[in-house]
Amino acid sequence: MTMKVNITSVHFKTDTKLENFIEKKVEKLSGLYEGVIGTEVTLKLDKTETRENKIAEIRMQIPGYDLYAKKQSKTFEEAADTAIDALKKQLEKYKGRLKK
């Protein structure tokens, strides 16, 4: 069963390359745990004048629980990458609790 990755971009259109990059990363992460139901990715631009104005928010649904990370960076790839790293830590913690 393939997990659904839903990518939403706010006020701009993502390109296929970016979507493929995020989907690959999320699928790799969901491979760590069988119970992932779906993932919502929201990409948006911060209104600030800084270069680090790309925001990636990722919500991963697992049974009875949602994991969530929001990161801001210079590129959407970098923001998504750091958000996925944060989710990986959360997922490992969650899996650790299941074993107890």
N, C-alpha and C. Protein backbone atom coordinates (compact mmCIF):
# COMPACT_ATOMS: atom_id res chain seq x y z
N MET A 1 0.84 -1.19 0.00
CA MET A 1 0.00 0.00 0.00
C MET A 1 0.89 1.25 0.00
N THR A 2 0.66 2.14 -0.92
CA THR A 2 1.47 3.36 -0.93
C THR A 2 0.77 4.44 -0.12
N MET A 3 1.58 5.16 0.59
CA MET A 3 1.06 6.22 1.44
C MET A 3 0.77 7.45 0.59
N LYS A 4 -0.25 8.16 0.98
CA LYS A 4 -0.62 9.38 0.27
C LYS A 4 0.21 10.56 0.79
N VAL A 5 0.89 11.22 -0.13
CA VAL A 5 1.63 12.44 0.21
C VAL A 5 0.89 13.59 -0.46
N ASN A 6 0.36 14.48 0.35
CA ASN A 6 -0.41 15.60 -0.17
C ASN A 6 0.42 16.87 -0.05
N ILE A 7 0.78 17.48 -1.18
CA ILE A 7 1.60 18.68 -1.15
C ILE A 7 0.76 19.89 -1.56
N THR A 8 0.72 20.88 -0.68
CA THR A 8 -0.04 22.10 -0.94
C THR A 8 0.94 23.28 -0.93
N SER A 9 0.85 24.11 -1.94
CA SER A 9 1.68 25.32 -1.93
C SER A 9 0.76 26.53 -1.84
N VAL A 10 1.11 27.46 -0.97
CA VAL A 10 0.28 28.63 -0.72
C VAL A 10 0.80 29.81 -1.53
N HIS A 11 -0.03 30.35 -2.41
CA HIS A 11 0.27 31.53 -3.23
C HIS A 11 1.39 31.34 -4.25
N PHE A 12 1.71 30.11 -4.61
CA PHE A 12 2.65 29.89 -5.71
C PHE A 12 2.47 28.45 -6.20
N LYS A 13 3.05 28.17 -7.36
CA LYS A 13 2.93 26.83 -7.95
C LYS A 13 4.28 26.11 -7.81
N THR A 14 4.23 24.93 -7.21
CA THR A 14 5.49 24.17 -7.08
C THR A 14 5.83 23.52 -8.42
N ASP A 15 7.10 23.27 -8.63
CA ASP A 15 7.46 22.54 -9.84
C ASP A 15 7.56 21.05 -9.51
N THR A 16 7.52 20.24 -10.54
CA THR A 16 7.52 18.79 -10.39
C THR A 16 8.78 18.31 -9.68
N LYS A 17 9.90 18.95 -9.96
CA LYS A 17 11.17 18.56 -9.34
C LYS A 17 11.07 18.68 -7.81
N LEU A 18 10.53 19.79 -7.34
CA LEU A 18 10.38 20.01 -5.90
C LEU A 18 9.43 18.97 -5.29
N GLU A 19 8.30 18.74 -5.95
CA GLU A 19 7.33 17.77 -5.45
C GLU A 19 7.94 16.36 -5.39
N ASN A 20 8.69 15.98 -6.44
CA ASN A 20 9.33 14.66 -6.45
C ASN A 20 10.35 14.54 -5.32
N PHE A 21 11.11 15.61 -5.10
CA PHE A 21 12.11 15.64 -4.03
C PHE A 21 11.45 15.38 -2.68
N ILE A 22 10.37 16.10 -2.41
CA ILE A 22 9.67 15.97 -1.13
C ILE A 22 9.03 14.59 -1.00
N GLU A 23 8.38 14.12 -2.06
CA GLU A 23 7.74 12.80 -2.02
C GLU A 23 8.75 11.70 -1.72
N LYS A 24 9.91 11.77 -2.37
CA LYS A 24 10.96 10.77 -2.14
C LYS A 24 11.41 10.76 -0.69
N LYS A 25 11.64 11.96 -0.15
CA LYS A 25 12.09 12.09 1.24
C LYS A 25 11.04 11.55 2.22
N VAL A 26 9.78 11.91 1.98
CA VAL A 26 8.69 11.49 2.86
C VAL A 26 8.50 9.97 2.79
N GLU A 27 8.59 9.42 1.58
CA GLU A 27 8.42 7.97 1.42
C GLU A 27 9.52 7.21 2.16
N LYS A 28 10.73 7.74 2.09
CA LYS A 28 11.85 7.13 2.79
C LYS A 28 11.58 7.12 4.30
N LEU A 29 11.08 8.24 4.79
CA LEU A 29 10.76 8.37 6.20
C LEU A 29 9.64 7.41 6.61
N SER A 30 8.62 7.33 5.78
CA SER A 30 7.49 6.46 6.13
C SER A 30 7.89 4.98 6.07
N GLY A 31 8.99 4.70 5.39
CA GLY A 31 9.50 3.33 5.34
C GLY A 31 10.02 2.86 6.70
N LEU A 32 10.29 3.81 7.59
CA LEU A 32 10.78 3.48 8.93
C LEU A 32 9.67 2.92 9.82
N TYR A 33 8.43 3.22 9.45
CA TYR A 33 7.31 2.80 10.28
C TYR A 33 6.12 2.45 9.39
N GLU A 34 5.64 1.23 9.54
CA GLU A 34 4.56 0.72 8.69
C GLU A 34 3.24 1.47 8.84
N GLY A 35 3.02 2.04 10.03
CA GLY A 35 1.69 2.57 10.34
C GLY A 35 1.38 3.96 9.83
N VAL A 36 2.26 4.55 9.01
CA VAL A 36 1.99 5.91 8.53
C VAL A 36 0.76 5.89 7.61
N ILE A 37 -0.22 6.72 7.95
CA ILE A 37 -1.48 6.76 7.18
C ILE A 37 -1.35 7.72 6.00
N GLY A 38 -0.80 8.89 6.26
CA GLY A 38 -0.68 9.89 5.20
C GLY A 38 0.17 11.05 5.67
N THR A 39 0.56 11.88 4.73
CA THR A 39 1.40 13.02 5.06
C THR A 39 0.90 14.26 4.32
N GLU A 40 0.76 15.33 5.06
CA GLU A 40 0.36 16.62 4.50
C GLU A 40 1.59 17.54 4.51
N VAL A 41 1.95 18.05 3.36
CA VAL A 41 3.08 18.98 3.28
C VAL A 41 2.53 20.32 2.80
N THR A 42 2.82 21.38 3.55
CA THR A 42 2.40 22.72 3.14
C THR A 42 3.65 23.57 2.94
N LEU A 43 3.75 24.16 1.77
CA LEU A 43 4.88 25.02 1.44
C LEU A 43 4.36 26.45 1.33
N LYS A 44 5.04 27.38 2.00
CA LYS A 44 4.61 28.78 1.85
C LYS A 44 5.78 29.72 1.99
N LEU A 45 5.56 30.91 1.49
CA LEU A 45 6.58 31.95 1.56
C LEU A 45 6.26 32.87 2.72
N ASP A 46 7.27 33.13 3.54
CA ASP A 46 7.11 34.08 4.63
C ASP A 46 7.16 35.48 4.02
N LYS A 47 6.47 36.42 4.62
CA LYS A 47 6.41 37.77 4.07
C LYS A 47 7.64 38.62 4.41
N THR A 48 8.57 38.06 5.20
CA THR A 48 9.73 38.85 5.60
C THR A 48 10.66 39.10 4.42
N GLU A 49 11.54 40.05 4.61
CA GLU A 49 12.50 40.41 3.55
C GLU A 49 13.75 39.53 3.56
N THR A 50 13.86 38.65 4.55
CA THR A 50 15.06 37.80 4.62
C THR A 50 15.06 36.79 3.49
N ARG A 51 16.24 36.29 3.19
CA ARG A 51 16.34 35.25 2.16
C ARG A 51 15.79 33.92 2.66
N GLU A 52 15.84 33.72 3.97
CA GLU A 52 15.33 32.47 4.52
C GLU A 52 13.82 32.58 4.74
N ASN A 53 13.10 32.69 3.63
CA ASN A 53 11.66 32.93 3.73
C ASN A 53 10.82 31.75 3.22
N LYS A 54 11.43 30.60 3.02
CA LYS A 54 10.67 29.44 2.53
C LYS A 54 10.31 28.56 3.73
N ILE A 55 9.04 28.27 3.86
CA ILE A 55 8.56 27.49 5.00
C ILE A 55 7.99 26.15 4.51
N ALA A 56 8.40 25.08 5.18
CA ALA A 56 7.83 23.76 4.92
C ALA A 56 7.22 23.27 6.22
N GLU A 57 5.93 22.93 6.15
CA GLU A 57 5.24 22.35 7.30
C GLU A 57 4.84 20.94 6.90
N ILE A 58 5.17 19.99 7.73
CA ILE A 58 4.84 18.60 7.41
C ILE A 58 4.10 17.98 8.59
N ARG A 59 2.94 17.42 8.30
CA ARG A 59 2.14 16.70 9.29
C ARG A 59 2.03 15.26 8.82
N MET A 60 2.50 14.35 9.66
CA MET A 60 2.46 12.94 9.31
C MET A 60 1.45 12.25 10.22
N GLN A 61 0.47 11.60 9.60
CA GLN A 61 -0.57 10.94 10.38
C GLN A 61 -0.19 9.47 10.63
N ILE A 62 -0.20 9.11 11.92
CA ILE A 62 -0.02 7.72 12.29
C ILE A 62 -1.18 7.38 13.22
N PRO A 63 -1.53 6.10 13.39
CA PRO A 63 -2.72 5.76 14.16
C PRO A 63 -2.75 6.42 15.54
N GLY A 64 -3.79 7.21 15.78
CA GLY A 64 -3.99 7.84 17.07
C GLY A 64 -3.06 9.01 17.37
N TYR A 65 -2.32 9.48 16.37
CA TYR A 65 -1.29 10.47 16.65
C TYR A 65 -0.91 11.20 15.37
N ASP A 66 -0.53 12.45 15.51
CA ASP A 66 0.03 13.21 14.38
C ASP A 66 1.41 13.71 14.76
N LEU A 67 2.36 13.55 13.86
CA LEU A 67 3.68 14.13 14.05
C LEU A 67 3.71 15.40 13.22
N TYR A 68 4.37 16.44 13.72
CA TYR A 68 4.34 17.72 13.02
C TYR A 68 5.69 18.42 13.13
N ALA A 69 6.13 18.99 12.03
CA ALA A 69 7.35 19.80 12.04
C ALA A 69 7.18 20.96 11.07
N LYS A 70 7.73 22.10 11.47
CA LYS A 70 7.69 23.30 10.62
C LYS A 70 9.08 23.90 10.61
N LYS A 71 9.65 24.06 9.43
CA LYS A 71 11.00 24.61 9.32
C LYS A 71 11.04 25.71 8.27
N GLN A 72 11.94 26.64 8.47
CA GLN A 72 12.09 27.77 7.55
C GLN A 72 13.53 27.82 7.08
N SER A 73 13.72 28.09 5.78
CA SER A 73 15.07 28.08 5.22
C SER A 73 15.15 28.92 3.95
N LYS A 74 16.35 28.89 3.30
CA LYS A 74 16.55 29.64 2.05
C LYS A 74 15.84 28.98 0.88
N THR A 75 15.75 27.64 0.92
CA THR A 75 15.09 26.91 -0.17
C THR A 75 14.04 25.98 0.42
N PHE A 76 13.06 25.64 -0.40
CA PHE A 76 12.04 24.70 0.06
C PHE A 76 12.65 23.32 0.31
N GLU A 77 13.64 22.95 -0.52
CA GLU A 77 14.29 21.65 -0.34
C GLU A 77 14.93 21.57 1.05
N GLU A 78 15.65 22.63 1.40
CA GLU A 78 16.34 22.65 2.69
C GLU A 78 15.33 22.65 3.85
N ALA A 79 14.28 23.44 3.70
CA ALA A 79 13.25 23.51 4.75
C ALA A 79 12.57 22.14 4.91
N ALA A 80 12.25 21.50 3.79
CA ALA A 80 11.61 20.18 3.84
C ALA A 80 12.55 19.15 4.45
N ASP A 81 13.82 19.23 4.07
CA ASP A 81 14.83 18.32 4.59
C ASP A 81 14.95 18.40 6.11
N THR A 82 15.03 19.62 6.64
CA THR A 82 15.18 19.77 8.09
C THR A 82 13.88 19.38 8.81
N ALA A 83 12.74 19.64 8.19
CA ALA A 83 11.46 19.23 8.79
C ALA A 83 11.38 17.70 8.83
N ILE A 84 11.84 17.05 7.78
CA ILE A 84 11.81 15.59 7.74
C ILE A 84 12.77 15.00 8.78
N ASP A 85 13.93 15.64 8.96
CA ASP A 85 14.85 15.20 10.02
C ASP A 85 14.18 15.27 11.39
N ALA A 86 13.46 16.36 11.62
CA ALA A 86 12.75 16.54 12.90
C ALA A 86 11.68 15.47 13.07
N LEU A 87 10.96 15.17 11.98
CA LEU A 87 9.92 14.13 12.03
C LEU A 87 10.53 12.76 12.29
N LYS A 88 11.71 12.53 11.71
CA LYS A 88 12.38 11.24 11.91
C LYS A 88 12.66 11.01 13.40
N LYS A 89 13.14 12.06 14.07
CA LYS A 89 13.40 11.97 15.51
C LYS A 89 12.10 11.68 16.27
N GLN A 90 11.03 12.38 15.89
CA GLN A 90 9.74 12.17 16.55
C GLN A 90 9.24 10.76 16.33
N LEU A 91 9.39 10.26 15.11
CA LEU A 91 8.94 8.92 14.76
C LEU A 91 9.71 7.86 15.54
N GLU A 92 11.02 8.07 15.69
CA GLU A 92 11.84 7.12 16.44
C GLU A 92 11.44 7.12 17.92
N LYS A 93 11.13 8.30 18.45
CA LYS A 93 10.67 8.40 19.84
C LYS A 93 9.34 7.66 20.01
N TYR A 94 8.45 7.88 19.05
CA TYR A 94 7.13 7.25 19.08
C TYR A 94 7.27 5.72 19.03
N LYS A 95 8.12 5.24 18.12
CA LYS A 95 8.34 3.80 18.01
C LYS A 95 8.93 3.23 19.28
N GLY A 96 9.82 4.01 19.93
CA GLY A 96 10.41 3.59 21.20
C GLY A 96 9.37 3.41 22.28
N ARG A 97 8.39 4.31 22.29
CA ARG A 97 7.31 4.21 23.29
C ARG A 97 6.43 3.00 23.04
N LEU A 98 6.28 2.61 21.78
CA LEU A 98 5.42 1.46 21.45
C LEU A 98 6.00 0.16 21.99
N LYS A 99 7.33 0.11 22.02
CA LYS A 99 8.01 -1.13 22.44
C LYS A 99 7.93 -1.37 23.94
N LYS A 100 7.65 -0.31 24.71
CA LYS A 100 7.63 -0.45 26.18
C LYS A 100 6.42 -1.19 26.67
